[in-house]
Full PDB file with SEQRES, HELIX, SHEET, SSBOND, CRYST1, ORIGX, SCALE, CONECT and MASTER records, all heavy atoms in Angstrom:
SEQRES   1 A   32  GLU THR LYS SER GLY VAL MET MET THR ILE SER ILE ILE          
SEQRES   2 A   32  CYS GLY PHE LEU PRO THR PHE PHE LEU SER PRO PHE SER          
SEQRES   3 A   32  GLY VAL TRP ALA ASP ARG                                      
HELIX    1 AA1 GLY A    5  ASP A   31  1                                  27    
CRYST1    1.000    1.000    1.000  90.00  90.00  90.00 P 1           1          
ORIGX1      1.000000  0.000000  0.000000        0.00000                         
ORIGX2      0.000000  1.000000  0.000000        0.00000                         
ORIGX3      0.000000  0.000000  1.000000        0.00000                         
SCALE1      1.000000  0.000000  0.000000        0.00000                         
SCALE2      0.000000  1.000000  0.000000        0.00000                         
SCALE3      0.000000  0.000000  1.000000        0.00000                         
ATOM      1  N   GLU A   1       0.812  -1.249   0.019  1.00  0.00           N  
ATOM      2  CA  GLU A   1       0.011  -0.004  -0.018  1.00  0.00           C  
ATOM      3  C   GLU A   1       0.817   1.248  -0.013  1.00  0.00           C  
ATOM      4  O   GLU A   1       0.463   2.289  -0.593  1.00  0.00           O  
ATOM      5  CB  GLU A   1      -0.895   0.020   1.250  1.00  0.00           C  
ATOM      6  CG  GLU A   1      -2.052  -1.003   1.204  1.00  0.00           C  
ATOM      7  CD  GLU A   1      -3.093  -0.688   0.084  1.00  0.00           C  
ATOM      8  OE1 GLU A   1      -3.420   0.509  -0.046  1.00  0.00           O  
ATOM      9  OE2 GLU A   1      -3.515  -1.618  -0.589  1.00  0.00           O  
ATOM     10  N   THR A   2       2.026   1.231   0.648  1.00  0.00           N  
ATOM     11  CA  THR A   2       2.783   2.490   0.839  1.00  0.00           C  
ATOM     12  C   THR A   2       4.117   2.485   0.063  1.00  0.00           C  
ATOM     13  O   THR A   2       4.583   3.576  -0.327  1.00  0.00           O  
ATOM     14  CB  THR A   2       3.138   2.697   2.294  1.00  0.00           C  
ATOM     15  OG1 THR A   2       4.028   1.709   2.780  1.00  0.00           O  
ATOM     16  CG2 THR A   2       1.853   2.636   3.188  1.00  0.00           C  
ATOM     17  N   LYS A   3       4.813   1.283  -0.063  1.00  0.00           N  
ATOM     18  CA  LYS A   3       6.116   1.202  -0.727  1.00  0.00           C  
ATOM     19  C   LYS A   3       7.109   2.193  -0.078  1.00  0.00           C  
ATOM     20  O   LYS A   3       7.983   2.742  -0.717  1.00  0.00           O  
ATOM     21  CB  LYS A   3       6.058   1.451  -2.223  1.00  0.00           C  
ATOM     22  CG  LYS A   3       5.238   0.401  -3.013  1.00  0.00           C  
ATOM     23  CD  LYS A   3       5.276   0.671  -4.463  1.00  0.00           C  
ATOM     24  CE  LYS A   3       4.617  -0.455  -5.265  1.00  0.00           C  
ATOM     25  NZ  LYS A   3       3.155  -0.549  -5.011  1.00  0.00           N  
ATOM     26  N   SER A   4       6.965   2.400   1.200  1.00  0.00           N  
ATOM     27  CA  SER A   4       7.778   3.413   1.952  1.00  0.00           C  
ATOM     28  C   SER A   4       8.623   2.768   3.018  1.00  0.00           C  
ATOM     29  O   SER A   4       8.170   2.040   3.856  1.00  0.00           O  
ATOM     30  CB  SER A   4       6.824   4.466   2.548  1.00  0.00           C  
ATOM     31  OG  SER A   4       7.489   5.288   3.460  1.00  0.00           O  
ATOM     32  N   GLY A   5       9.919   3.156   2.998  1.00  0.00           N  
ATOM     33  CA  GLY A   5      10.825   2.678   4.057  1.00  0.00           C  
ATOM     34  C   GLY A   5      10.454   3.265   5.393  1.00  0.00           C  
ATOM     35  O   GLY A   5      10.598   2.620   6.445  1.00  0.00           O  
ATOM     36  N   VAL A   6       9.961   4.491   5.423  1.00  0.00           N  
ATOM     37  CA  VAL A   6       9.547   5.172   6.720  1.00  0.00           C  
ATOM     38  C   VAL A   6       8.351   4.436   7.278  1.00  0.00           C  
ATOM     39  O   VAL A   6       8.353   4.139   8.540  1.00  0.00           O  
ATOM     40  CB  VAL A   6       9.204   6.659   6.466  1.00  0.00           C  
ATOM     41  CG1 VAL A   6       8.552   7.259   7.700  1.00  0.00           C  
ATOM     42  CG2 VAL A   6      10.446   7.449   6.049  1.00  0.00           C  
ATOM     43  N   MET A   7       7.333   4.058   6.468  1.00  0.00           N  
ATOM     44  CA  MET A   7       6.164   3.370   6.989  1.00  0.00           C  
ATOM     45  C   MET A   7       6.506   1.989   7.481  1.00  0.00           C  
ATOM     46  O   MET A   7       6.001   1.540   8.539  1.00  0.00           O  
ATOM     47  CB  MET A   7       5.110   3.277   5.893  1.00  0.00           C  
ATOM     48  CG  MET A   7       4.562   4.643   5.472  1.00  0.00           C  
ATOM     49  SD  MET A   7       3.718   5.529   6.790  1.00  0.00           S  
ATOM     50  CE  MET A   7       2.137   4.765   6.802  1.00  0.00           C  
ATOM     51  N   MET A   8       7.462   1.328   6.780  1.00  0.00           N  
ATOM     52  CA  MET A   8       7.954  -0.014   7.226  1.00  0.00           C  
ATOM     53  C   MET A   8       8.655   0.194   8.610  1.00  0.00           C  
ATOM     54  O   MET A   8       8.512  -0.698   9.468  1.00  0.00           O  
ATOM     55  CB  MET A   8       8.872  -0.586   6.201  1.00  0.00           C  
ATOM     56  CG  MET A   8       8.215  -1.140   4.961  1.00  0.00           C  
ATOM     57  SD  MET A   8       7.143  -2.572   5.371  1.00  0.00           S  
ATOM     58  CE  MET A   8       8.404  -3.775   5.916  1.00  0.00           C  
ATOM     59  N   THR A   9       9.392   1.222   8.757  1.00  0.00           N  
ATOM     60  CA  THR A   9      10.118   1.438   9.992  1.00  0.00           C  
ATOM     61  C   THR A   9       9.164   1.687  11.133  1.00  0.00           C  
ATOM     62  O   THR A   9       9.325   1.134  12.227  1.00  0.00           O  
ATOM     63  CB  THR A   9      11.022   2.709   9.876  1.00  0.00           C  
ATOM     64  OG1 THR A   9      11.997   2.476   8.805  1.00  0.00           O  
ATOM     65  CG2 THR A   9      11.759   2.989  11.193  1.00  0.00           C  
ATOM     66  N   ILE A  10       8.065   2.481  10.905  1.00  0.00           N  
ATOM     67  CA  ILE A  10       7.071   2.716  11.976  1.00  0.00           C  
ATOM     68  C   ILE A  10       6.432   1.368  12.354  1.00  0.00           C  
ATOM     69  O   ILE A  10       6.245   1.144  13.514  1.00  0.00           O  
ATOM     70  CB  ILE A  10       5.993   3.697  11.469  1.00  0.00           C  
ATOM     71  CG1 ILE A  10       6.630   5.111  11.232  1.00  0.00           C  
ATOM     72  CG2 ILE A  10       4.859   3.789  12.480  1.00  0.00           C  
ATOM     73  CD1 ILE A  10       5.724   6.081  10.547  1.00  0.00           C  
ATOM     74  N   SER A  11       6.120   0.551  11.376  1.00  0.00           N  
ATOM     75  CA  SER A  11       5.494  -0.720  11.647  1.00  0.00           C  
ATOM     76  C   SER A  11       6.407  -1.641  12.494  1.00  0.00           C  
ATOM     77  O   SER A  11       5.979  -2.269  13.457  1.00  0.00           O  
ATOM     78  CB  SER A  11       5.183  -1.437  10.273  1.00  0.00           C  
ATOM     79  OG  SER A  11       4.733  -2.727  10.566  1.00  0.00           O  
ATOM     80  N   ILE A  12       7.683  -1.680  12.152  1.00  0.00           N  
ATOM     81  CA  ILE A  12       8.679  -2.493  12.849  1.00  0.00           C  
ATOM     82  C   ILE A  12       8.852  -1.979  14.302  1.00  0.00           C  
ATOM     83  O   ILE A  12       8.911  -2.742  15.252  1.00  0.00           O  
ATOM     84  CB  ILE A  12       9.975  -2.559  12.112  1.00  0.00           C  
ATOM     85  CG1 ILE A  12       9.727  -3.347  10.804  1.00  0.00           C  
ATOM     86  CG2 ILE A  12      11.056  -3.190  12.924  1.00  0.00           C  
ATOM     87  CD1 ILE A  12      10.830  -3.140   9.758  1.00  0.00           C  
ATOM     88  N   ILE A  13       8.888  -0.649  14.429  1.00  0.00           N  
ATOM     89  CA  ILE A  13       9.060  -0.086  15.772  1.00  0.00           C  
ATOM     90  C   ILE A  13       7.876  -0.425  16.646  1.00  0.00           C  
ATOM     91  O   ILE A  13       8.002  -0.787  17.867  1.00  0.00           O  
ATOM     92  CB  ILE A  13       9.260   1.437  15.700  1.00  0.00           C  
ATOM     93  CG1 ILE A  13      10.660   1.790  15.099  1.00  0.00           C  
ATOM     94  CG2 ILE A  13       9.099   2.126  17.059  1.00  0.00           C  
ATOM     95  CD1 ILE A  13      10.838   3.233  14.775  1.00  0.00           C  
ATOM     96  N   CYS A  14       6.682  -0.333  16.052  1.00  0.00           N  
ATOM     97  CA  CYS A  14       5.467  -0.660  16.824  1.00  0.00           C  
ATOM     98  C   CYS A  14       5.462  -2.175  17.225  1.00  0.00           C  
ATOM     99  O   CYS A  14       4.922  -2.542  18.267  1.00  0.00           O  
ATOM    100  CB  CYS A  14       4.210  -0.353  16.002  1.00  0.00           C  
ATOM    101  SG  CYS A  14       3.883   1.353  15.818  1.00  0.00           S  
ATOM    102  N   GLY A  15       6.089  -2.975  16.352  1.00  0.00           N  
ATOM    103  CA  GLY A  15       6.106  -4.394  16.664  1.00  0.00           C  
ATOM    104  C   GLY A  15       7.198  -4.821  17.629  1.00  0.00           C  
ATOM    105  O   GLY A  15       7.218  -6.015  18.117  1.00  0.00           O  
ATOM    106  N   PHE A  16       8.153  -3.922  17.931  1.00  0.00           N  
ATOM    107  CA  PHE A  16       9.254  -4.314  18.804  1.00  0.00           C  
ATOM    108  C   PHE A  16       9.345  -3.470  20.049  1.00  0.00           C  
ATOM    109  O   PHE A  16       9.699  -4.048  21.170  1.00  0.00           O  
ATOM    110  CB  PHE A  16      10.542  -4.211  18.042  1.00  0.00           C  
ATOM    111  CG  PHE A  16      10.896  -5.376  17.126  1.00  0.00           C  
ATOM    112  CD1 PHE A  16      10.530  -5.398  15.830  1.00  0.00           C  
ATOM    113  CD2 PHE A  16      11.587  -6.487  17.637  1.00  0.00           C  
ATOM    114  CE1 PHE A  16      10.812  -6.425  14.993  1.00  0.00           C  
ATOM    115  CE2 PHE A  16      11.845  -7.530  16.838  1.00  0.00           C  
ATOM    116  CZ  PHE A  16      11.507  -7.504  15.550  1.00  0.00           C  
ATOM    117  N   LEU A  17       9.054  -2.202  19.987  1.00  0.00           N  
ATOM    118  CA  LEU A  17       9.369  -1.296  21.118  1.00  0.00           C  
ATOM    119  C   LEU A  17       8.583  -1.684  22.412  1.00  0.00           C  
ATOM    120  O   LEU A  17       9.186  -1.643  23.472  1.00  0.00           O  
ATOM    121  CB  LEU A  17       9.081   0.175  20.703  1.00  0.00           C  
ATOM    122  CG  LEU A  17       9.862   1.286  21.437  1.00  0.00           C  
ATOM    123  CD1 LEU A  17      11.350   1.018  21.315  1.00  0.00           C  
ATOM    124  CD2 LEU A  17       9.487   2.616  20.940  1.00  0.00           C  
ATOM    125  N   PRO A  18       7.265  -2.003  22.323  1.00  0.00           N  
ATOM    126  CA  PRO A  18       6.611  -2.420  23.539  1.00  0.00           C  
ATOM    127  C   PRO A  18       7.293  -3.651  24.212  1.00  0.00           C  
ATOM    128  O   PRO A  18       7.302  -3.716  25.435  1.00  0.00           O  
ATOM    129  CB  PRO A  18       5.193  -2.705  23.061  1.00  0.00           C  
ATOM    130  CG  PRO A  18       5.037  -1.920  21.795  1.00  0.00           C  
ATOM    131  CD  PRO A  18       6.332  -1.952  21.139  1.00  0.00           C  
ATOM    132  N   THR A  19       7.764  -4.561  23.410  1.00  0.00           N  
ATOM    133  CA  THR A  19       8.515  -5.712  23.941  1.00  0.00           C  
ATOM    134  C   THR A  19       9.680  -5.303  24.746  1.00  0.00           C  
ATOM    135  O   THR A  19      10.029  -5.807  25.794  1.00  0.00           O  
ATOM    136  CB  THR A  19       8.916  -6.660  22.864  1.00  0.00           C  
ATOM    137  OG1 THR A  19       7.727  -7.184  22.176  1.00  0.00           O  
ATOM    138  CG2 THR A  19       9.677  -7.857  23.387  1.00  0.00           C  
ATOM    139  N   PHE A  20      10.381  -4.259  24.199  1.00  0.00           N  
ATOM    140  CA  PHE A  20      11.603  -3.696  24.873  1.00  0.00           C  
ATOM    141  C   PHE A  20      11.262  -3.195  26.289  1.00  0.00           C  
ATOM    142  O   PHE A  20      11.936  -3.523  27.225  1.00  0.00           O  
ATOM    143  CB  PHE A  20      12.187  -2.594  24.024  1.00  0.00           C  
ATOM    144  CG  PHE A  20      13.168  -1.750  24.748  1.00  0.00           C  
ATOM    145  CD1 PHE A  20      14.430  -2.184  24.961  1.00  0.00           C  
ATOM    146  CD2 PHE A  20      12.812  -0.465  25.162  1.00  0.00           C  
ATOM    147  CE1 PHE A  20      15.385  -1.395  25.625  1.00  0.00           C  
ATOM    148  CE2 PHE A  20      13.757   0.354  25.831  1.00  0.00           C  
ATOM    149  CZ  PHE A  20      15.038  -0.179  26.022  1.00  0.00           C  
ATOM    150  N   PHE A  21      10.218  -2.449  26.399  1.00  0.00           N  
ATOM    151  CA  PHE A  21       9.863  -1.833  27.662  1.00  0.00           C  
ATOM    152  C   PHE A  21       9.357  -2.856  28.656  1.00  0.00           C  
ATOM    153  O   PHE A  21       9.538  -2.730  29.875  1.00  0.00           O  
ATOM    154  CB  PHE A  21       8.816  -0.714  27.460  1.00  0.00           C  
ATOM    155  CG  PHE A  21       9.388   0.532  26.858  1.00  0.00           C  
ATOM    156  CD1 PHE A  21       8.983   0.954  25.608  1.00  0.00           C  
ATOM    157  CD2 PHE A  21      10.339   1.289  27.605  1.00  0.00           C  
ATOM    158  CE1 PHE A  21       9.520   2.094  25.053  1.00  0.00           C  
ATOM    159  CE2 PHE A  21      10.876   2.484  27.023  1.00  0.00           C  
ATOM    160  CZ  PHE A  21      10.471   2.860  25.792  1.00  0.00           C  
ATOM    161  N   LEU A  22       8.676  -3.871  28.173  1.00  0.00           N  
ATOM    162  CA  LEU A  22       8.042  -4.865  29.070  1.00  0.00           C  
ATOM    163  C   LEU A  22       9.002  -5.991  29.475  1.00  0.00           C  
ATOM    164  O   LEU A  22       8.851  -6.572  30.539  1.00  0.00           O  
ATOM    165  CB  LEU A  22       6.791  -5.483  28.340  1.00  0.00           C  
ATOM    166  CG  LEU A  22       5.889  -6.323  29.227  1.00  0.00           C  
ATOM    167  CD1 LEU A  22       5.254  -5.516  30.360  1.00  0.00           C  
ATOM    168  CD2 LEU A  22       4.769  -7.009  28.410  1.00  0.00           C  
ATOM    169  N   SER A  23       9.976  -6.290  28.615  1.00  0.00           N  
ATOM    170  CA  SER A  23      10.836  -7.481  28.887  1.00  0.00           C  
ATOM    171  C   SER A  23      11.514  -7.577  30.240  1.00  0.00           C  
ATOM    172  O   SER A  23      11.540  -8.646  30.827  1.00  0.00           O  
ATOM    173  CB  SER A  23      11.925  -7.592  27.741  1.00  0.00           C  
ATOM    174  OG  SER A  23      11.278  -7.901  26.508  1.00  0.00           O  
ATOM    175  N   PRO A  24      12.063  -6.474  30.775  1.00  0.00           N  
ATOM    176  CA  PRO A  24      12.701  -6.591  32.058  1.00  0.00           C  
ATOM    177  C   PRO A  24      11.707  -7.040  33.174  1.00  0.00           C  
ATOM    178  O   PRO A  24      12.045  -7.843  34.062  1.00  0.00           O  
ATOM    179  CB  PRO A  24      13.182  -5.158  32.390  1.00  0.00           C  
ATOM    180  CG  PRO A  24      13.318  -4.523  31.050  1.00  0.00           C  
ATOM    181  CD  PRO A  24      12.218  -5.094  30.239  1.00  0.00           C  
ATOM    182  N   PHE A  25      10.498  -6.509  33.070  1.00  0.00           N  
ATOM    183  CA  PHE A  25       9.424  -6.892  34.079  1.00  0.00           C  
ATOM    184  C   PHE A  25       8.903  -8.319  33.785  1.00  0.00           C  
ATOM    185  O   PHE A  25       8.670  -9.082  34.751  1.00  0.00           O  
ATOM    186  CB  PHE A  25       8.287  -5.853  33.991  1.00  0.00           C  
ATOM    187  CG  PHE A  25       8.749  -4.460  34.254  1.00  0.00           C  
ATOM    188  CD1 PHE A  25       8.933  -3.585  33.216  1.00  0.00           C  
ATOM    189  CD2 PHE A  25       9.029  -3.999  35.570  1.00  0.00           C  
ATOM    190  CE1 PHE A  25       9.404  -2.283  33.450  1.00  0.00           C  
ATOM    191  CE2 PHE A  25       9.440  -2.762  35.820  1.00  0.00           C  
ATOM    192  CZ  PHE A  25       9.647  -1.854  34.740  1.00  0.00           C  
ATOM    193  N   SER A  26       8.717  -8.617  32.504  1.00  0.00           N  
ATOM    194  CA  SER A  26       8.202  -9.991  32.188  1.00  0.00           C  
ATOM    195  C   SER A  26       9.241 -11.069  32.610  1.00  0.00           C  
ATOM    196  O   SER A  26       8.920 -12.186  32.881  1.00  0.00           O  
ATOM    197  CB  SER A  26       7.862 -10.061  30.685  1.00  0.00           C  
ATOM    198  OG  SER A  26       8.975  -9.844  29.872  1.00  0.00           O  
ATOM    199  N   GLY A  27      10.542 -10.710  32.521  1.00  0.00           N  
ATOM    200  CA  GLY A  27      11.557 -11.603  32.976  1.00  0.00           C  
ATOM    201  C   GLY A  27      11.433 -11.901  34.481  1.00  0.00           C  
ATOM    202  O   GLY A  27      11.576 -13.060  34.945  1.00  0.00           O  
ATOM    203  N   VAL A  28      11.092 -10.852  35.204  1.00  0.00           N  
ATOM    204  CA  VAL A  28      10.873 -11.013  36.683  1.00  0.00           C  
ATOM    205  C   VAL A  28       9.632 -11.841  36.915  1.00  0.00           C  
ATOM    206  O   VAL A  28       9.616 -12.762  37.795  1.00  0.00           O  
ATOM    207  CB  VAL A  28      10.721  -9.636  37.388  1.00  0.00           C  
ATOM    208  CG1 VAL A  28      10.294  -9.771  38.853  1.00  0.00           C  
ATOM    209  CG2 VAL A  28      12.054  -8.838  37.295  1.00  0.00           C  
ATOM    210  N   TRP A  29       8.572 -11.603  36.169  1.00  0.00           N  
ATOM    211  CA  TRP A  29       7.334 -12.422  36.290  1.00  0.00           C  
ATOM    212  C   TRP A  29       7.591 -13.879  35.988  1.00  0.00           C  
ATOM    213  O   TRP A  29       7.088 -14.747  36.681  1.00  0.00           O  
ATOM    214  CB  TRP A  29       6.279 -11.894  35.304  1.00  0.00           C  
ATOM    215  CG  TRP A  29       5.831 -10.456  35.551  1.00  0.00           C  
ATOM    216  CD1 TRP A  29       5.895  -9.807  36.742  1.00  0.00           C  
ATOM    217  CD2 TRP A  29       5.222  -9.596  34.615  1.00  0.00           C  
ATOM    218  NE1 TRP A  29       5.441  -8.517  36.573  1.00  0.00           N  
ATOM    219  CE2 TRP A  29       4.998  -8.345  35.304  1.00  0.00           C  
ATOM    220  CE3 TRP A  29       4.888  -9.678  33.285  1.00  0.00           C  
ATOM    221  CZ2 TRP A  29       4.418  -7.273  34.672  1.00  0.00           C  
ATOM    222  CZ3 TRP A  29       4.298  -8.568  32.647  1.00  0.00           C  
ATOM    223  CH2 TRP A  29       4.063  -7.353  33.343  1.00  0.00           C  
ATOM    224  N   ALA A  30       8.504 -14.141  34.986  1.00  0.00           N  
ATOM    225  CA  ALA A  30       8.737 -15.527  34.576  1.00  0.00           C  
ATOM    226  C   ALA A  30       9.471 -16.275  35.691  1.00  0.00           C  
ATOM    227  O   ALA A  30       9.448 -17.471  35.767  1.00  0.00           O  
ATOM    228  CB  ALA A  30       9.590 -15.561  33.294  1.00  0.00           C  
ATOM    229  N   ASP A  31      10.197 -15.538  36.564  1.00  0.00           N  
ATOM    230  CA  ASP A  31      10.895 -16.125  37.678  1.00  0.00           C  
ATOM    231  C   ASP A  31      10.036 -16.150  38.945  1.00  0.00           C  
ATOM    232  O   ASP A  31      10.313 -16.996  39.825  1.00  0.00           O  
ATOM    233  CB  ASP A  31      12.207 -15.374  37.960  1.00  0.00           C  
ATOM    234  CG  ASP A  31      13.315 -15.701  36.949  1.00  0.00           C  
ATOM    235  OD1 ASP A  31      13.205 -16.748  36.348  1.00  0.00           O  
ATOM    236  OD2 ASP A  31      14.186 -14.839  36.801  1.00  0.00           O  
ATOM    237  N   ARG A  32       9.063 -15.289  39.074  1.00  0.00           N  
ATOM    238  CA  ARG A  32       8.254 -15.189  40.290  1.00  0.00           C  
ATOM    239  C   ARG A  32       6.957 -16.042  40.221  1.00  0.00           C  
ATOM    240  O   ARG A  32       6.475 -16.535  41.233  1.00  0.00           O  
ATOM    241  CB  ARG A  32       7.833 -13.720  40.510  1.00  0.00           C  
ATOM    242  CG  ARG A  32       8.977 -12.829  41.017  1.00  0.00           C  
ATOM    243  CD  ARG A  32       8.536 -11.407  41.026  1.00  0.00           C  
ATOM    244  NE  ARG A  32       7.539 -11.142  42.080  1.00  0.00           N  
ATOM    245  CZ  ARG A  32       7.817 -10.475  43.271  1.00  0.00           C  
ATOM    246  NH1 ARG A  32       9.096 -10.126  43.509  1.00  0.00           N  
ATOM    247  NH2 ARG A  32       6.899 -10.265  44.112  1.00  0.00           N  
TER     248      ARG A  32                                                      
MASTER        0    0    0    1    0    0    0    6  247    1    0    3          
END                                                                             
């Protein structure tokens, strides 16, 4: 639909960044 590197970048950031913020806490949950 877009053929845009910027739009692809936004999509990838949305698919990864929340994992980044949650991972330290989810690691603690996995141990607790």
